[in-house]
Amino acid sequence: MLIYNTTYHVEESQEKYFLIWIKEYYFPEVEKMGVLHAPRMARVLSHREEGSACYSVQFEVESSAQLHQWHREQGVLLNDELLKVFKDKVVGFPTLMEVIE
């Protein structure tokens, strides 16, 4: 099992809109394809910079091959939409992690 995490740095002026966008647009769009599962979001309390908020958005995915396919088919489009809506006021940093039992 892998976890696909994206940490977002969000300007405070956009925080409310970003949270709405993630919950009402991003999560439903990701779930349509059925590759990424168990979405969750958490506020990052460490590494906070003044004037911004930080969020971690995570999904479970079975394999890196499935994630790569999702990224090519849907992830790029969603990232383009994020840039269109928020420009440089939201920046995301993806991380792929393996669950250790």
C-alpha atoms as a PDB file:
ATOM      1  CA  MET A   1       0.000   0.000   0.000  1.00  0.00           C
ATOM      2  CA  LEU A   2       1.275   3.440  -0.951  1.00  0.00           C
ATOM      3  CA  ILE A   3       0.235   6.872   0.238  1.00  0.00           C
ATOM      4  CA  TYR A   4       0.255   9.750  -2.209  1.00  0.00           C
ATOM      5  CA  ASN A   5       0.655  12.944  -0.193  1.00  0.00           C
ATOM      6  CA  THR A   6       0.672  16.510  -1.408  1.00  0.00           C
ATOM      7  CA  THR A   7       1.605  19.261   1.018  1.00  0.00           C
ATOM      8  CA  TYR A   8       0.101  22.598   0.073  1.00  0.00           C
ATOM      9  CA  HIS A   9       1.322  26.014   1.198  1.00  0.00           C
ATOM     10  CA  VAL A  10      -1.619  28.401   0.995  1.00  0.00           C
ATOM     11  CA  GLU A  11      -1.616  32.175   1.393  1.00  0.00           C
ATOM     12  CA  GLU A  12      -3.913  33.107   4.279  1.00  0.00           C
ATOM     13  CA  SER A  13      -6.077  35.241   1.985  1.00  0.00           C
ATOM     14  CA  GLN A  14      -6.890  32.097  -0.048  1.00  0.00           C
ATOM     15  CA  GLU A  15      -7.230  29.567   2.767  1.00  0.00           C
ATOM     16  CA  LYS A  16     -11.044  29.542   2.955  1.00  0.00           C
ATOM     17  CA  TYR A  17     -11.373  29.252  -0.839  1.00  0.00           C
ATOM     18  CA  PHE A  18      -8.718  26.548  -1.027  1.00  0.00           C
ATOM     19  CA  LEU A  19     -10.526  24.396   1.553  1.00  0.00           C
ATOM     20  CA  ILE A  20     -13.791  24.742  -0.355  1.00  0.00           C
ATOM     21  CA  TRP A  21     -12.058  23.929  -3.651  1.00  0.00           C
ATOM     22  CA  ILE A  22     -10.406  20.791  -2.236  1.00  0.00           C
ATOM     23  CA  LYS A  23     -13.586  19.457  -0.630  1.00  0.00           C
ATOM     24  CA  GLU A  24     -16.108  20.385  -3.323  1.00  0.00           C
ATOM     25  CA  TYR A  25     -14.052  20.040  -6.507  1.00  0.00           C
ATOM     26  CA  TYR A  26     -10.751  18.185  -6.068  1.00  0.00           C
ATOM     27  CA  PHE A  27     -11.886  15.226  -3.933  1.00  0.00           C
ATOM     28  CA  PRO A  28     -14.979  14.489  -6.083  1.00  0.00           C
ATOM     29  CA  GLU A  29     -12.940  14.726  -9.304  1.00  0.00           C
ATOM     30  CA  VAL A  30     -10.241  12.384  -7.981  1.00  0.00           C
ATOM     31  CA  GLU A  31     -12.817   9.852  -6.793  1.00  0.00           C
ATOM     32  CA  LYS A  32     -14.417   9.721 -10.285  1.00  0.00           C
ATOM     33  CA  MET A  33     -11.409   7.894 -11.720  1.00  0.00           C
ATOM     34  CA  GLY A  34     -11.326   5.330  -8.896  1.00  0.00           C
ATOM     35  CA  VAL A  35      -7.537   4.954  -8.680  1.00  0.00           C
ATOM     36  CA  LEU A  36      -6.852   6.967  -5.524  1.00  0.00           C
ATOM     37  CA  HIS A  37      -8.780   5.957  -2.400  1.00  0.00           C
ATOM     38  CA  ALA A  38      -9.420   7.029   1.208  1.00  0.00           C
ATOM     39  CA  PRO A  39      -8.916  10.788   0.816  1.00  0.00           C
ATOM     40  CA  ARG A  40      -7.994  12.730   3.917  1.00  0.00           C
ATOM     41  CA  MET A  41      -6.753  16.180   4.696  1.00  0.00           C
ATOM     42  CA  ALA A  42      -4.847  17.505   7.694  1.00  0.00           C
ATOM     43  CA  ARG A  43      -3.560  20.890   8.731  1.00  0.00           C
ATOM     44  CA  VAL A  44       0.233  20.834   9.108  1.00  0.00           C
ATOM     45  CA  LEU A  45       1.179  22.442  12.401  1.00  0.00           C
ATOM     46  CA  SER A  46       4.952  22.376  12.015  1.00  0.00           C
ATOM     47  CA  HIS A  47       6.883  24.302   9.358  1.00  0.00           C
ATOM     48  CA  ARG A  48       4.340  27.067   9.265  1.00  0.00           C
ATOM     49  CA  GLU A  49       5.371  30.357   7.718  1.00  0.00           C
ATOM     50  CA  GLU A  50       3.790  33.646   8.715  1.00  0.00           C
ATOM     51  CA  GLY A  51       1.007  34.679   6.363  1.00  0.00           C
ATOM     52  CA  SER A  52       0.318  31.155   5.151  1.00  0.00           C
ATOM     53  CA  ALA A  53      -1.326  27.904   6.138  1.00  0.00           C
ATOM     54  CA  CYS A  54      -0.103  24.424   5.307  1.00  0.00           C
ATOM     55  CA  TYR A  55      -2.231  21.347   4.500  1.00  0.00           C
ATOM     56  CA  SER A  56      -1.494  17.718   3.749  1.00  0.00           C
ATOM     57  CA  VAL A  57      -3.823  15.937   1.313  1.00  0.00           C
ATOM     58  CA  GLN A  58      -3.419  12.159   1.214  1.00  0.00           C
ATOM     59  CA  PHE A  59      -4.778   9.253  -0.804  1.00  0.00           C
ATOM     60  CA  GLU A  60      -4.073   5.548  -0.790  1.00  0.00           C
ATOM     61  CA  VAL A  61      -3.001   3.928  -4.049  1.00  0.00           C
ATOM     62  CA  GLU A  62      -2.132   0.316  -4.832  1.00  0.00           C
ATOM     63  CA  SER A  63       1.002   0.861  -6.932  1.00  0.00           C
ATOM     64  CA  SER A  64       3.293   3.489  -8.356  1.00  0.00           C
ATOM     65  CA  ALA A  65       2.221   2.356 -11.852  1.00  0.00           C
ATOM     66  CA  GLN A  66      -1.418   3.194 -11.032  1.00  0.00           C
ATOM     67  CA  LEU A  67      -0.352   6.540  -9.588  1.00  0.00           C
ATOM     68  CA  HIS A  68       1.657   7.317 -12.720  1.00  0.00           C
ATOM     69  CA  GLN A  69      -1.350   6.498 -14.911  1.00  0.00           C
ATOM     70  CA  TRP A  70      -3.622   8.655 -12.709  1.00  0.00           C
ATOM     71  CA  HIS A  71      -1.138  11.522 -12.871  1.00  0.00           C
ATOM     72  CA  ARG A  72      -0.953  11.385 -16.683  1.00  0.00           C
ATOM     73  CA  GLU A  73      -4.700  11.097 -17.176  1.00  0.00           C
ATOM     74  CA  GLN A  74      -6.085  13.263 -14.380  1.00  0.00           C
ATOM     75  CA  GLY A  75      -3.440  14.672 -12.044  1.00  0.00           C
ATOM     76  CA  VAL A  76      -1.967  17.030 -14.625  1.00  0.00           C
ATOM     77  CA  LEU A  77      -5.423  18.415 -15.433  1.00  0.00           C
ATOM     78  CA  LEU A  78      -6.250  18.974 -11.764  1.00  0.00           C
ATOM     79  CA  ASN A  79      -2.934  20.705 -11.195  1.00  0.00           C
ATOM     80  CA  ASP A  80      -3.620  22.966 -14.178  1.00  0.00           C
ATOM     81  CA  GLU A  81      -7.004  23.829 -12.654  1.00  0.00           C
ATOM     82  CA  LEU A  82      -5.346  24.604  -9.309  1.00  0.00           C
ATOM     83  CA  LEU A  83      -2.944  26.984 -11.061  1.00  0.00           C
ATOM     84  CA  LYS A  84      -5.770  28.588 -13.012  1.00  0.00           C
ATOM     85  CA  VAL A  85      -7.831  29.231  -9.864  1.00  0.00           C
ATOM     86  CA  PHE A  86      -5.106  30.132  -7.333  1.00  0.00           C
ATOM     87  CA  LYS A  87      -2.117  31.113  -9.499  1.00  0.00           C
ATOM     88  CA  ASP A  88       0.952  31.393  -7.228  1.00  0.00           C
ATOM     89  CA  LYS A  89      -1.072  31.718  -4.009  1.00  0.00           C
ATOM     90  CA  VAL A  90      -1.142  27.919  -3.508  1.00  0.00           C
ATOM     91  CA  VAL A  91       1.907  25.712  -4.048  1.00  0.00           C
ATOM     92  CA  GLY A  92       1.892  21.916  -3.742  1.00  0.00           C
ATOM     93  CA  PHE A  93       4.739  19.477  -3.091  1.00  0.00           C
ATOM     94  CA  PRO A  94       3.952  15.788  -3.779  1.00  0.00           C
ATOM     95  CA  THR A  95       5.459  12.848  -1.882  1.00  0.00           C
ATOM     96  CA  LEU A  96       4.966   9.119  -2.440  1.00  0.00           C
ATOM     97  CA  MET A  97       5.242   7.017   0.718  1.00  0.00           C
ATOM     98  CA  GLU A  98       5.103   3.291   1.443  1.00  0.00           C
ATOM     99  CA  VAL A  99       3.132   2.001   4.421  1.00  0.00           C
ATOM    100  CA  ILE A 100       5.316  -0.160   6.662  1.00  0.00           C
ATOM    101  CA  GLU A 101       3.345  -2.724   8.650  1.00  0.00           C
END
